[in-house]
């Protein structure tokens, strides 16, 4: 399932790091993070969504402590 989320990330470099790290997480087929639009697009299997989204948020906050996502 592909879903779009509104996010808050402080810089383009952090957005690129988050995109790279989240894209490598198990269960994430594809991740796109845009600093300019403050959006994140995730492609995650339906049956793993709740579990994977927790890992996504945890990973993003490790890179950018001010990271926010509207679920």
N, C-alpha and C. Protein backbone atom coordinates (compact mmCIF):
# COMPACT_ATOMS: atom_id res chain seq x y z
N UNK A 1 0.84 -1.17 0.00
CA UNK A 1 0.00 0.00 0.00
C UNK A 1 0.89 1.24 0.00
N UNK A 2 0.58 2.15 -0.88
CA UNK A 2 1.33 3.40 -0.94
C UNK A 2 0.51 4.48 -0.26
N UNK A 3 1.14 5.18 0.69
CA UNK A 3 0.46 6.25 1.42
C UNK A 3 1.35 7.47 1.47
N UNK A 4 0.71 8.64 1.49
CA UNK A 4 1.41 9.92 1.57
C UNK A 4 1.16 10.52 2.94
N UNK A 5 2.20 11.05 3.55
CA UNK A 5 2.11 11.65 4.87
C UNK A 5 2.68 13.05 4.86
N UNK A 6 2.06 13.93 5.62
CA UNK A 6 2.60 15.27 5.83
C UNK A 6 3.63 15.15 6.95
N UNK A 7 4.81 15.72 6.72
CA UNK A 7 5.89 15.62 7.70
C UNK A 7 6.46 17.00 7.98
N UNK A 8 7.32 17.04 8.97
CA UNK A 8 8.10 18.24 9.26
C UNK A 8 9.55 17.81 9.41
N UNK A 9 10.37 18.28 8.48
CA UNK A 9 11.80 18.01 8.52
C UNK A 9 12.52 19.33 8.26
N UNK A 10 13.64 19.54 8.96
CA UNK A 10 14.27 20.86 8.98
C UNK A 10 15.18 21.19 7.80
N UNK A 11 15.74 20.19 7.13
CA UNK A 11 16.66 20.52 6.03
C UNK A 11 16.65 19.42 4.97
N UNK A 12 17.11 19.78 3.79
CA UNK A 12 17.13 18.84 2.67
C UNK A 12 18.09 17.69 2.93
N UNK A 13 19.19 17.96 3.60
CA UNK A 13 20.15 16.90 3.91
C UNK A 13 19.53 15.86 4.84
N UNK A 14 18.81 16.31 5.85
CA UNK A 14 18.13 15.40 6.77
C UNK A 14 17.07 14.58 6.03
N UNK A 15 16.34 15.23 5.12
CA UNK A 15 15.32 14.54 4.34
C UNK A 15 15.95 13.42 3.52
N UNK A 16 17.10 13.69 2.91
CA UNK A 16 17.79 12.67 2.12
C UNK A 16 18.27 11.52 2.99
N UNK A 17 18.78 11.83 4.17
CA UNK A 17 19.24 10.78 5.09
C UNK A 17 18.07 9.93 5.56
N UNK A 18 16.94 10.57 5.87
CA UNK A 18 15.75 9.83 6.30
C UNK A 18 15.25 8.93 5.18
N UNK A 19 15.19 9.46 3.98
CA UNK A 19 14.73 8.68 2.83
C UNK A 19 15.60 7.44 2.64
N UNK A 20 16.90 7.60 2.73
CA UNK A 20 17.83 6.49 2.56
C UNK A 20 17.65 5.45 3.67
N UNK A 21 17.59 5.89 4.92
CA UNK A 21 17.49 4.97 6.06
C UNK A 21 16.14 4.25 6.08
N UNK A 22 15.06 4.98 5.84
CA UNK A 22 13.73 4.38 5.86
C UNK A 22 13.57 3.40 4.70
N UNK A 23 14.14 3.73 3.56
CA UNK A 23 14.06 2.84 2.39
C UNK A 23 14.73 1.49 2.61
N UNK A 24 15.64 1.42 3.56
CA UNK A 24 16.34 0.17 3.87
C UNK A 24 15.66 -0.67 4.95
N UNK A 25 14.62 -0.13 5.58
CA UNK A 25 13.94 -0.87 6.64
C UNK A 25 13.19 -2.07 6.08
N UNK A 26 13.16 -3.17 6.84
CA UNK A 26 12.38 -4.33 6.40
C UNK A 26 10.90 -3.98 6.32
N UNK A 27 10.26 -4.37 5.24
CA UNK A 27 8.84 -4.08 5.05
C UNK A 27 8.56 -2.84 4.23
N UNK A 28 9.58 -2.00 4.03
CA UNK A 28 9.41 -0.79 3.21
C UNK A 28 9.87 -1.12 1.79
N UNK A 29 8.93 -1.07 0.85
CA UNK A 29 9.28 -1.33 -0.55
C UNK A 29 9.92 -0.11 -1.21
N UNK A 30 9.42 1.07 -0.82
CA UNK A 30 9.95 2.31 -1.39
C UNK A 30 9.62 3.46 -0.46
N UNK A 31 10.53 4.40 -0.35
CA UNK A 31 10.31 5.60 0.47
C UNK A 31 10.81 6.83 -0.29
N UNK A 32 10.01 7.88 -0.25
CA UNK A 32 10.39 9.15 -0.85
C UNK A 32 10.10 10.24 0.17
N UNK A 33 11.09 11.09 0.43
CA UNK A 33 10.94 12.19 1.36
C UNK A 33 11.29 13.49 0.64
N UNK A 34 10.37 14.44 0.67
CA UNK A 34 10.59 15.72 0.01
C UNK A 34 10.65 16.84 1.04
N UNK A 35 11.79 17.48 1.12
CA UNK A 35 11.95 18.62 2.02
C UNK A 35 11.11 19.80 1.52
N UNK A 36 11.09 20.02 0.22
CA UNK A 36 10.38 21.17 -0.36
C UNK A 36 8.88 21.11 -0.09
N UNK A 37 8.28 19.94 -0.23
CA UNK A 37 6.83 19.83 -0.04
C UNK A 37 6.46 19.34 1.36
N UNK A 38 7.48 18.94 2.14
CA UNK A 38 7.26 18.41 3.49
C UNK A 38 6.31 17.21 3.44
N UNK A 39 6.61 16.29 2.51
CA UNK A 39 5.79 15.08 2.34
C UNK A 39 6.69 13.85 2.31
N UNK A 40 6.13 12.74 2.79
CA UNK A 40 6.80 11.44 2.72
C UNK A 40 5.82 10.46 2.08
N UNK A 41 6.29 9.73 1.08
CA UNK A 41 5.49 8.70 0.44
C UNK A 41 6.13 7.37 0.77
N UNK A 42 5.33 6.47 1.34
CA UNK A 42 5.81 5.14 1.72
C UNK A 42 5.01 4.08 1.00
N UNK A 43 5.72 3.06 0.53
CA UNK A 43 5.09 1.88 -0.05
C UNK A 43 5.39 0.73 0.90
N UNK A 44 4.36 0.30 1.64
CA UNK A 44 4.50 -0.72 2.68
C UNK A 44 3.42 -1.77 2.46
N UNK A 45 3.77 -3.05 2.70
CA UNK A 45 2.78 -4.12 2.60
C UNK A 45 1.65 -3.87 3.60
N UNK A 46 0.40 -4.09 3.18
CA UNK A 46 -0.77 -3.82 4.02
C UNK A 46 -0.72 -4.54 5.36
N UNK A 47 -0.33 -5.79 5.36
CA UNK A 47 -0.36 -6.58 6.58
C UNK A 47 0.73 -6.20 7.58
N UNK A 48 1.70 -5.42 7.17
CA UNK A 48 2.81 -5.01 8.04
C UNK A 48 2.77 -3.53 8.38
N UNK A 49 1.74 -2.83 7.94
CA UNK A 49 1.75 -1.37 8.00
C UNK A 49 1.99 -0.82 9.41
N UNK A 50 1.20 -1.25 10.38
CA UNK A 50 1.32 -0.70 11.74
C UNK A 50 2.70 -0.92 12.35
N UNK A 51 3.23 -2.11 12.14
CA UNK A 51 4.55 -2.45 12.68
C UNK A 51 5.65 -1.63 12.00
N UNK A 52 5.58 -1.52 10.69
CA UNK A 52 6.62 -0.83 9.92
C UNK A 52 6.59 0.67 10.18
N UNK A 53 5.40 1.26 10.29
CA UNK A 53 5.33 2.72 10.48
C UNK A 53 5.98 3.12 11.80
N UNK A 54 5.90 2.28 12.82
CA UNK A 54 6.58 2.57 14.09
C UNK A 54 8.09 2.60 13.89
N UNK A 55 8.62 1.68 13.09
CA UNK A 55 10.05 1.66 12.78
C UNK A 55 10.46 2.88 11.97
N UNK A 56 9.59 3.30 11.06
CA UNK A 56 9.86 4.48 10.23
C UNK A 56 10.01 5.71 11.11
N UNK A 57 9.06 5.92 12.02
CA UNK A 57 9.10 7.09 12.90
C UNK A 57 10.33 7.05 13.80
N UNK A 58 10.62 5.90 14.37
CA UNK A 58 11.78 5.74 15.25
C UNK A 58 13.08 6.04 14.51
N UNK A 59 13.21 5.52 13.30
CA UNK A 59 14.41 5.74 12.49
C UNK A 59 14.55 7.22 12.11
N UNK A 60 13.46 7.83 11.69
CA UNK A 60 13.50 9.25 11.28
C UNK A 60 13.86 10.14 12.45
N UNK A 61 13.32 9.86 13.63
CA UNK A 61 13.62 10.68 14.81
C UNK A 61 15.06 10.50 15.28
N UNK A 62 15.65 9.35 15.00
CA UNK A 62 17.06 9.15 15.33
C UNK A 62 17.94 10.06 14.46
N UNK A 63 17.55 10.26 13.23
CA UNK A 63 18.31 11.12 12.31
C UNK A 63 18.01 12.59 12.56
N UNK A 64 16.73 12.90 12.71
CA UNK A 64 16.27 14.29 12.91
C UNK A 64 15.33 14.31 14.11
N UNK A 65 15.84 14.67 15.29
CA UNK A 65 15.03 14.64 16.51
C UNK A 65 13.74 15.47 16.42
N UNK A 66 13.71 16.50 15.59
CA UNK A 66 12.53 17.35 15.45
C UNK A 66 11.55 16.82 14.41
N UNK A 67 11.83 15.67 13.82
CA UNK A 67 10.97 15.08 12.79
C UNK A 67 9.56 14.85 13.34
N UNK A 68 8.56 15.25 12.57
CA UNK A 68 7.15 15.04 12.91
C UNK A 68 6.44 14.44 11.70
N UNK A 69 5.47 13.57 11.97
CA UNK A 69 4.69 12.96 10.90
C UNK A 69 3.23 12.94 11.33
N UNK A 70 2.34 13.27 10.40
CA UNK A 70 0.91 13.21 10.66
C UNK A 70 0.41 11.87 10.15
N UNK A 71 0.00 11.00 11.08
CA UNK A 71 -0.48 9.67 10.68
C UNK A 71 -1.96 9.65 10.43
